[in-house]
């Protein structure tokens, strides 16, 4: 099952693969590259990339990836906006922010490894035990979002075509 974090990562990998195409390529390949970049940029504008960043941040598989402060602040603002929409108040929002900082710093209960073959993101988060665990609640909510779109399937198909040896 693909999650939003997987789609976000696939979009980044596709952009990287397109940019890595040889510069001494044929005119057809150059035209394809230009049209794809245009298509990718248009699609990117349609995404709520802040939600994708937050999902990527909360996926335990990518937990060791660090963000620059500006991006981390963007992620925190998105988390707080979603928390508010979920009915969270200002006191719980402050606690959520502290929990996000602890998660980002690998402090307990967020300091154990994620084993892709044995766990799901949901089971990893359920293993993080503490009272008033607002970050866990938010993570389980966000990680339950599954993209159901033919365009997402097409993205993965194109990505596989680019990244596999022929």
C-alpha atoms as a PDB file:
ATOM      1  CA  UNK A   1       0.000   0.000   0.000  1.00  0.00           C
ATOM      2  CA  UNK A   2       1.454   3.355  -1.022  1.00  0.00           C
ATOM      3  CA  UNK A   3       1.268   6.221   1.461  1.00  0.00           C
ATOM      4  CA  UNK A   4       1.546   9.944   0.849  1.00  0.00           C
ATOM      5  CA  UNK A   5       5.177   9.821   1.988  1.00  0.00           C
ATOM      6  CA  UNK A   6       5.889   7.201  -0.686  1.00  0.00           C
ATOM      7  CA  UNK A   7       4.262   9.381  -3.355  1.00  0.00           C
ATOM      8  CA  UNK A   8       6.257  12.400  -2.188  1.00  0.00           C
ATOM      9  CA  UNK A   9       9.491  10.424  -2.370  1.00  0.00           C
ATOM     10  CA  UNK A  10       8.558   9.101  -5.828  1.00  0.00           C
ATOM     11  CA  UNK A  11       7.972  12.644  -7.103  1.00  0.00           C
ATOM     12  CA  UNK A  12      11.387  13.699  -5.864  1.00  0.00           C
ATOM     13  CA  UNK A  13      13.021  10.616  -7.416  1.00  0.00           C
ATOM     14  CA  UNK A  14      11.291  11.299 -10.737  1.00  0.00           C
ATOM     15  CA  UNK A  15      12.483  14.898 -10.802  1.00  0.00           C
ATOM     16  CA  UNK A  16      16.007  13.725 -10.015  1.00  0.00           C
ATOM     17  CA  UNK A  17      15.877  11.054 -12.745  1.00  0.00           C
ATOM     18  CA  UNK A  18      14.682  13.564 -15.349  1.00  0.00           C
ATOM     19  CA  UNK A  19      17.393  16.058 -14.405  1.00  0.00           C
ATOM     20  CA  UNK A  20      19.994  13.281 -14.626  1.00  0.00           C
ATOM     21  CA  UNK A  21      19.201  12.473 -18.261  1.00  0.00           C
ATOM     22  CA  UNK A  22      22.286  12.902 -20.435  1.00  0.00           C
ATOM     23  CA  UNK A  23      22.732  16.398 -21.811  1.00  0.00           C
ATOM     24  CA  UNK A  24      24.070  15.086 -25.117  1.00  0.00           C
ATOM     25  CA  UNK A  25      20.792  13.277 -25.777  1.00  0.00           C
ATOM     26  CA  UNK A  26      18.666  13.255 -28.908  1.00  0.00           C
ATOM     27  CA  UNK A  27      16.264  16.053 -29.758  1.00  0.00           C
ATOM     28  CA  UNK A  28      13.345  13.737 -28.928  1.00  0.00           C
ATOM     29  CA  UNK A  29      14.743  13.064 -25.467  1.00  0.00           C
ATOM     30  CA  UNK A  30      15.407  16.765 -24.876  1.00  0.00           C
ATOM     31  CA  UNK A  31      11.847  17.576 -25.923  1.00  0.00           C
ATOM     32  CA  UNK A  32      10.511  14.835 -23.640  1.00  0.00           C
ATOM     33  CA  UNK A  33      12.610  16.184 -20.776  1.00  0.00           C
ATOM     34  CA  UNK A  34      11.323  19.737 -21.280  1.00  0.00           C
ATOM     35  CA  UNK A  35       7.695  18.605 -21.553  1.00  0.00           C
ATOM     36  CA  UNK A  36       8.024  16.392 -18.498  1.00  0.00           C
ATOM     37  CA  UNK A  37       9.547  19.207 -16.428  1.00  0.00           C
ATOM     38  CA  UNK A  38       6.661  21.439 -17.468  1.00  0.00           C
ATOM     39  CA  UNK A  39       4.155  18.681 -16.586  1.00  0.00           C
ATOM     40  CA  UNK A  40       5.900  17.968 -13.263  1.00  0.00           C
ATOM     41  CA  UNK A  41       5.925  21.656 -12.292  1.00  0.00           C
ATOM     42  CA  UNK A  42       2.212  22.001 -13.097  1.00  0.00           C
ATOM     43  CA  UNK A  43       1.367  18.888 -11.055  1.00  0.00           C
ATOM     44  CA  UNK A  44       3.580  20.046  -8.205  1.00  0.00           C
ATOM     45  CA  UNK A  45       1.552  23.277  -7.946  1.00  0.00           C
ATOM     46  CA  UNK A  46      -1.615  21.172  -7.498  1.00  0.00           C
ATOM     47  CA  UNK A  47      -0.219  19.205  -4.544  1.00  0.00           C
ATOM     48  CA  UNK A  48      -0.547  20.273  -0.940  1.00  0.00           C
ATOM     49  CA  UNK A  49       3.197  19.802  -0.613  1.00  0.00           C
ATOM     50  CA  UNK A  50       3.100  20.893   3.037  1.00  0.00           C
ATOM     51  CA  UNK A  51       0.936  17.851   3.795  1.00  0.00           C
ATOM     52  CA  UNK A  52       3.363  15.657   1.849  1.00  0.00           C
ATOM     53  CA  UNK A  53       6.295  17.099   3.813  1.00  0.00           C
ATOM     54  CA  UNK A  54       4.482  16.466   7.093  1.00  0.00           C
ATOM     55  CA  UNK A  55       3.672  12.906   6.036  1.00  0.00           C
ATOM     56  CA  UNK A  56       7.283  12.331   5.035  1.00  0.00           C
ATOM     57  CA  UNK A  57       8.443  13.777   8.362  1.00  0.00           C
ATOM     58  CA  UNK A  58       6.106  11.493  10.347  1.00  0.00           C
ATOM     59  CA  UNK A  59       6.916   8.305   8.439  1.00  0.00           C
ATOM     60  CA  UNK A  60       9.300   6.353  10.709  1.00  0.00           C
ATOM     61  CA  UNK A  61      11.196   5.002   7.697  1.00  0.00           C
ATOM     62  CA  UNK A  62      12.445   8.529   6.999  1.00  0.00           C
ATOM     63  CA  UNK A  63      12.808   9.543  10.654  1.00  0.00           C
ATOM     64  CA  UNK A  64      16.567  10.076  10.422  1.00  0.00           C
ATOM     65  CA  UNK A  65      16.214  12.600   7.595  1.00  0.00           C
ATOM     66  CA  UNK A  66      16.753  16.094   8.913  1.00  0.00           C
ATOM     67  CA  UNK A  67      15.163  19.256   7.572  1.00  0.00           C
ATOM     68  CA  UNK A  68      16.557  22.747   7.405  1.00  0.00           C
ATOM     69  CA  UNK A  69      14.953  25.032  10.034  1.00  0.00           C
ATOM     70  CA  UNK A  70      12.733  26.850   7.520  1.00  0.00           C
ATOM     71  CA  UNK A  71      11.259  23.560   6.251  1.00  0.00           C
ATOM     72  CA  UNK A  72      10.851  22.210   9.782  1.00  0.00           C
ATOM     73  CA  UNK A  73       8.903  25.343  10.750  1.00  0.00           C
ATOM     74  CA  UNK A  74       6.689  24.877   7.693  1.00  0.00           C
ATOM     75  CA  UNK A  75       6.039  21.274   8.792  1.00  0.00           C
ATOM     76  CA  UNK A  76       5.199  22.405  12.324  1.00  0.00           C
ATOM     77  CA  UNK A  77       2.762  25.051  11.058  1.00  0.00           C
ATOM     78  CA  UNK A  78       1.025  22.454   8.870  1.00  0.00           C
ATOM     79  CA  UNK A  79       0.812  20.041  11.820  1.00  0.00           C
ATOM     80  CA  UNK A  80      -0.697  22.730  14.043  1.00  0.00           C
ATOM     81  CA  UNK A  81      -3.213  23.737  11.365  1.00  0.00           C
ATOM     82  CA  UNK A  82      -4.306  20.118  10.945  1.00  0.00           C
ATOM     83  CA  UNK A  83      -4.389  19.627  14.710  1.00  0.00           C
ATOM     84  CA  UNK A  84      -6.715  22.611  15.019  1.00  0.00           C
ATOM     85  CA  UNK A  85      -9.007  21.172  12.313  1.00  0.00           C
ATOM     86  CA  UNK A  86      -9.029  17.883  14.231  1.00  0.00           C
ATOM     87  CA  UNK A  87     -10.386  19.754  17.264  1.00  0.00           C
ATOM     88  CA  UNK A  88      -7.165  20.299  19.189  1.00  0.00           C
ATOM     89  CA  UNK A  89      -6.902  23.317  21.467  1.00  0.00           C
ATOM     90  CA  UNK A  90      -4.019  25.661  22.249  1.00  0.00           C
ATOM     91  CA  UNK A  91      -2.770  23.670  25.275  1.00  0.00           C
ATOM     92  CA  UNK A  92      -2.668  20.404  23.325  1.00  0.00           C
ATOM     93  CA  UNK A  93      -1.096  22.272  20.374  1.00  0.00           C
ATOM     94  CA  UNK A  94       1.782  23.349  22.619  1.00  0.00           C
ATOM     95  CA  UNK A  95       2.206  19.735  23.777  1.00  0.00           C
ATOM     96  CA  UNK A  96       2.106  18.596  20.140  1.00  0.00           C
ATOM     97  CA  UNK A  97       4.916  21.032  19.292  1.00  0.00           C
ATOM     98  CA  UNK A  98       7.054  19.721  22.166  1.00  0.00           C
ATOM     99  CA  UNK A  99       6.377  16.138  21.032  1.00  0.00           C
ATOM    100  CA  UNK A 100       7.374  17.044  17.458  1.00  0.00           C
ATOM    101  CA  UNK A 101      10.644  18.497  18.757  1.00  0.00           C
ATOM    102  CA  UNK A 102      11.297  15.332  20.773  1.00  0.00           C
ATOM    103  CA  UNK A 103      10.546  13.193  17.712  1.00  0.00           C
ATOM    104  CA  UNK A 104      12.883  15.308  15.584  1.00  0.00           C
ATOM    105  CA  UNK A 105      15.625  14.953  18.238  1.00  0.00           C
ATOM    106  CA  UNK A 106      15.119  11.142  18.546  1.00  0.00           C
ATOM    107  CA  UNK A 107      14.177  11.410  22.223  1.00  0.00           C
ATOM    108  CA  UNK A 108      12.148   8.744  24.009  1.00  0.00           C
ATOM    109  CA  UNK A 109       9.684   7.295  23.033  1.00  0.00           C
ATOM    110  CA  UNK A 110      10.832   8.006  19.452  1.00  0.00           C
ATOM    111  CA  UNK A 111      14.345   6.598  19.710  1.00  0.00           C
ATOM    112  CA  UNK A 112      13.832   3.026  18.538  1.00  0.00           C
ATOM    113  CA  UNK A 113      14.439   1.788  14.993  1.00  0.00           C
ATOM    114  CA  UNK A 114      11.868   1.208  12.301  1.00  0.00           C
ATOM    115  CA  UNK A 115      12.246  -2.150  10.548  1.00  0.00           C
ATOM    116  CA  UNK A 116      10.469  -1.989   7.210  1.00  0.00           C
ATOM    117  CA  UNK A 117      10.145  -5.778   6.861  1.00  0.00           C
ATOM    118  CA  UNK A 118       8.549  -6.226  10.301  1.00  0.00           C
ATOM    119  CA  UNK A 119       6.533  -3.081  10.894  1.00  0.00           C
ATOM    120  CA  UNK A 120       4.108  -0.710   9.309  1.00  0.00           C
ATOM    121  CA  UNK A 121       4.268   2.996  10.061  1.00  0.00           C
ATOM    122  CA  UNK A 122       1.085   2.554  12.093  1.00  0.00           C
ATOM    123  CA  UNK A 123       2.527  -0.284  14.218  1.00  0.00           C
ATOM    124  CA  UNK A 124       5.680   1.756  14.864  1.00  0.00           C
ATOM    125  CA  UNK A 125       3.621   4.715  16.071  1.00  0.00           C
ATOM    126  CA  UNK A 126       1.415   2.480  18.213  1.00  0.00           C
ATOM    127  CA  UNK A 127       4.610   1.313  19.919  1.00  0.00           C
ATOM    128  CA  UNK A 128       5.378   4.880  21.018  1.00  0.00           C
ATOM    129  CA  UNK A 129       3.683   4.915  24.416  1.00  0.00           C
ATOM    130  CA  UNK A 130       3.064   8.058  26.464  1.00  0.00           C
ATOM    131  CA  UNK A 131       0.087   9.882  27.931  1.00  0.00           C
ATOM    132  CA  UNK A 132      -1.583  12.635  25.918  1.00  0.00           C
ATOM    133  CA  UNK A 133       0.223  11.457  22.832  1.00  0.00           C
ATOM    134  CA  UNK A 134      -1.039  14.029  20.358  1.00  0.00           C
ATOM    135  CA  UNK A 135       1.763  13.461  17.876  1.00  0.00           C
ATOM    136  CA  UNK A 136       0.876   9.767  17.715  1.00  0.00           C
ATOM    137  CA  UNK A 137      -2.767  10.673  17.101  1.00  0.00           C
ATOM    138  CA  UNK A 138      -1.810  13.099  14.324  1.00  0.00           C
ATOM    139  CA  UNK A 139       0.661  10.654  12.763  1.00  0.00           C
ATOM    140  CA  UNK A 140      -1.859   7.797  12.717  1.00  0.00           C
ATOM    141  CA  UNK A 141      -4.438  10.109  11.159  1.00  0.00           C
ATOM    142  CA  UNK A 142      -2.099  11.385   8.435  1.00  0.00           C
ATOM    143  CA  UNK A 143      -0.481   8.024   7.711  1.00  0.00           C
ATOM    144  CA  UNK A 144      -3.917   6.521   7.139  1.00  0.00           C
ATOM    145  CA  UNK A 145      -4.377   8.740   4.065  1.00  0.00           C
ATOM    146  CA  UNK A 146      -3.883   6.584   0.987  1.00  0.00           C
ATOM    147  CA  UNK A 147      -3.730   8.272  -2.412  1.00  0.00           C
ATOM    148  CA  UNK A 148      -6.316   6.658  -4.692  1.00  0.00           C
ATOM    149  CA  UNK A 149      -5.606   8.187  -8.019  1.00  0.00           C
ATOM    150  CA  UNK A 150      -4.810   6.892 -11.457  1.00  0.00           C
ATOM    151  CA  UNK A 151      -2.291   9.704 -11.787  1.00  0.00           C
ATOM    152  CA  UNK A 152      -0.411   8.398  -8.730  1.00  0.00           C
ATOM    153  CA  UNK A 153      -0.323   4.927 -10.251  1.00  0.00           C
ATOM    154  CA  UNK A 154       0.943   6.450 -13.485  1.00  0.00           C
ATOM    155  CA  UNK A 155       3.676   8.289 -11.572  1.00  0.00           C
ATOM    156  CA  UNK A 156       4.909   5.035 -10.040  1.00  0.00           C
ATOM    157  CA  UNK A 157       4.778   3.333 -13.427  1.00  0.00           C
ATOM    158  CA  UNK A 158       6.874   6.069 -15.043  1.00  0.00           C
ATOM    159  CA  UNK A 159       9.277   6.076 -12.094  1.00  0.00           C
ATOM    160  CA  UNK A 160       9.829   2.327 -12.469  1.00  0.00           C
ATOM    161  CA  UNK A 161      10.475   2.805 -16.177  1.00  0.00           C
ATOM    162  CA  UNK A 162      13.152   5.441 -15.450  1.00  0.00           C
ATOM    163  CA  UNK A 163      14.888   3.666 -12.605  1.00  0.00           C
ATOM    164  CA  UNK A 164      15.055   0.088 -13.872  1.00  0.00           C
ATOM    165  CA  UNK A 165      17.863  -1.191 -16.040  1.00  0.00           C
ATOM    166  CA  UNK A 166      16.939  -1.951 -19.618  1.00  0.00           C
END
